[in-house]
């Protein structure tokens, strides 16, 4: 059996190719086992409505758990959700900045330092 990291990468590749069923099939057992990268990737799918219905509450739930388990990219994605909002998630500047700072602290920095201040 493949290790979980390679399965998350394979699921991400499937998502990039818009092979949503394949991505979901790969992610399902990983999410059940609370693999942070899988939780984060499924959270992004719900955040963007790719392969699943757009659902901000579900995205926040999955991404928050991924952050709790050490996924810095999930923290960055939560910052993005709170900076722009989603149909069922209101914008929240303070939460956005908190998650962006946390992402940087966790090593998931995708912009210049000033962005995270």
Protein backbone atom coordinates (compact mmCIF):
# COMPACT_ATOMS: atom_id res chain seq x y z
CA UNK A 1 0.00 0.00 0.00
CA UNK A 2 1.22 3.48 -0.83
CA UNK A 3 2.11 5.79 1.99
CA UNK A 4 -0.36 8.53 2.82
CA UNK A 5 1.85 11.37 1.55
CA UNK A 6 2.09 9.85 -1.92
CA UNK A 7 -1.67 9.24 -1.93
CA UNK A 8 -2.32 12.91 -1.07
CA UNK A 9 -0.01 13.91 -3.94
CA UNK A 10 -1.86 11.53 -6.27
CA UNK A 11 -5.21 12.98 -5.14
CA UNK A 12 -3.91 16.51 -5.72
CA UNK A 13 -2.78 15.53 -9.21
CA UNK A 14 -6.22 14.06 -9.91
CA UNK A 15 -7.85 17.26 -8.67
CA UNK A 16 -5.59 19.34 -10.92
CA UNK A 17 -6.76 17.22 -13.87
CA UNK A 18 -10.39 17.66 -12.73
CA UNK A 19 -10.62 13.90 -12.04
CA UNK A 20 -12.84 14.56 -9.04
CA UNK A 21 -14.12 11.03 -8.46
CA UNK A 22 -10.57 9.70 -8.40
CA UNK A 23 -9.47 12.44 -6.00
CA UNK A 24 -12.38 11.75 -3.65
CA UNK A 25 -11.76 7.99 -3.75
CA UNK A 26 -8.12 8.53 -2.80
CA UNK A 27 -8.93 11.06 -0.10
CA UNK A 28 -11.77 9.22 1.64
CA UNK A 29 -9.69 6.70 3.65
CA UNK A 30 -7.03 9.31 4.38
CA UNK A 31 -9.58 11.76 5.75
CA UNK A 32 -11.04 9.01 7.95
CA UNK A 33 -7.52 8.45 9.31
CA UNK A 34 -7.12 12.21 9.86
CA UNK A 35 -4.14 12.66 7.54
CA UNK A 36 -3.58 16.44 7.64
CA UNK A 37 -2.82 16.90 3.93
CA UNK A 38 -5.92 14.93 2.96
CA UNK A 39 -8.14 16.94 5.30
CA UNK A 40 -6.68 20.13 3.85
CA UNK A 41 -7.13 19.06 0.24
CA UNK A 42 -10.73 18.00 0.79
CA UNK A 43 -11.28 21.29 2.59
CA UNK A 44 -10.06 23.17 -0.48
CA UNK A 45 -12.40 21.14 -2.67
CA UNK A 46 -15.32 22.33 -0.51
CA UNK A 47 -13.89 25.87 -0.44
CA UNK A 48 -13.82 26.02 -4.24
CA UNK A 49 -16.77 23.74 -4.99
CA UNK A 50 -14.59 21.46 -7.09
CA UNK A 51 -15.88 17.89 -7.26
CA UNK A 52 -18.17 18.57 -4.29
CA UNK A 53 -20.81 21.22 -3.61
CA UNK A 54 -19.41 24.58 -2.45
CA UNK A 55 -19.70 24.46 1.34
CA UNK A 56 -17.83 27.00 3.44
CA UNK A 57 -18.79 25.44 6.75
CA UNK A 58 -17.46 22.03 5.69
CA UNK A 59 -14.33 23.65 4.26
CA UNK A 60 -13.65 25.47 7.55
CA UNK A 61 -14.30 22.31 9.56
CA UNK A 62 -11.86 20.22 7.51
CA UNK A 63 -9.20 22.92 7.23
CA UNK A 64 -9.37 23.69 10.96
CA UNK A 65 -8.77 20.03 11.79
CA UNK A 66 -5.88 19.93 9.32
CA UNK A 67 -4.32 22.96 11.05
CA UNK A 68 -4.76 21.29 14.44
CA UNK A 69 -2.80 18.33 13.04
CA UNK A 70 0.01 20.54 11.71
CA UNK A 71 -0.91 21.51 8.14
CA UNK A 72 0.32 25.06 7.52
CA UNK A 73 -1.15 25.23 4.04
CA UNK A 74 -4.58 24.64 5.58
CA UNK A 75 -3.97 27.67 7.84
CA UNK A 76 -3.18 29.77 4.76
CA UNK A 77 -6.38 28.54 3.09
CA UNK A 78 -8.41 29.47 6.19
CA UNK A 79 -6.87 32.93 6.01
CA UNK A 80 -8.06 33.16 2.43
CA UNK A 81 -11.57 32.03 3.34
CA UNK A 82 -11.89 34.62 6.10
CA UNK A 83 -10.38 37.40 3.98
CA UNK A 84 -12.94 36.98 1.20
CA UNK A 85 -15.77 35.09 2.83
CA UNK A 86 -17.91 32.37 1.29
CA UNK A 87 -21.69 32.12 0.91
CA UNK A 88 -22.03 30.66 4.42
CA UNK A 89 -18.88 32.16 5.98
CA UNK A 90 -18.64 35.88 6.71
CA UNK A 91 -15.47 37.86 6.14
CA UNK A 92 -13.47 38.21 9.34
CA UNK A 93 -10.31 40.29 9.05
CA UNK A 94 -8.98 39.29 12.49
CA UNK A 95 -9.42 35.57 11.85
CA UNK A 96 -7.91 35.98 8.41
CA UNK A 97 -4.76 37.64 9.79
CA UNK A 98 -4.54 35.10 12.63
CA UNK A 99 -4.57 32.19 10.18
CA UNK A 100 -2.14 33.87 7.79
CA UNK A 101 0.28 34.44 10.71
CA UNK A 102 -0.16 30.85 11.82
CA UNK A 103 0.55 29.65 8.28
CA UNK A 104 3.79 31.62 8.24
CA UNK A 105 4.76 30.23 11.66
CA UNK A 106 4.08 26.73 10.35
CA UNK A 107 6.30 27.30 7.31
CA UNK A 108 3.55 27.76 4.74
CA UNK A 109 4.47 31.20 3.44
CA UNK A 110 3.25 31.95 -0.09
CA UNK A 111 3.76 35.73 -0.16
CA UNK A 112 6.26 38.34 1.08
CA UNK A 113 6.58 38.84 4.85
CA UNK A 114 4.47 42.02 4.82
CA UNK A 115 1.45 40.00 3.67
CA UNK A 116 1.48 38.05 6.94
CA UNK A 117 1.85 41.03 9.30
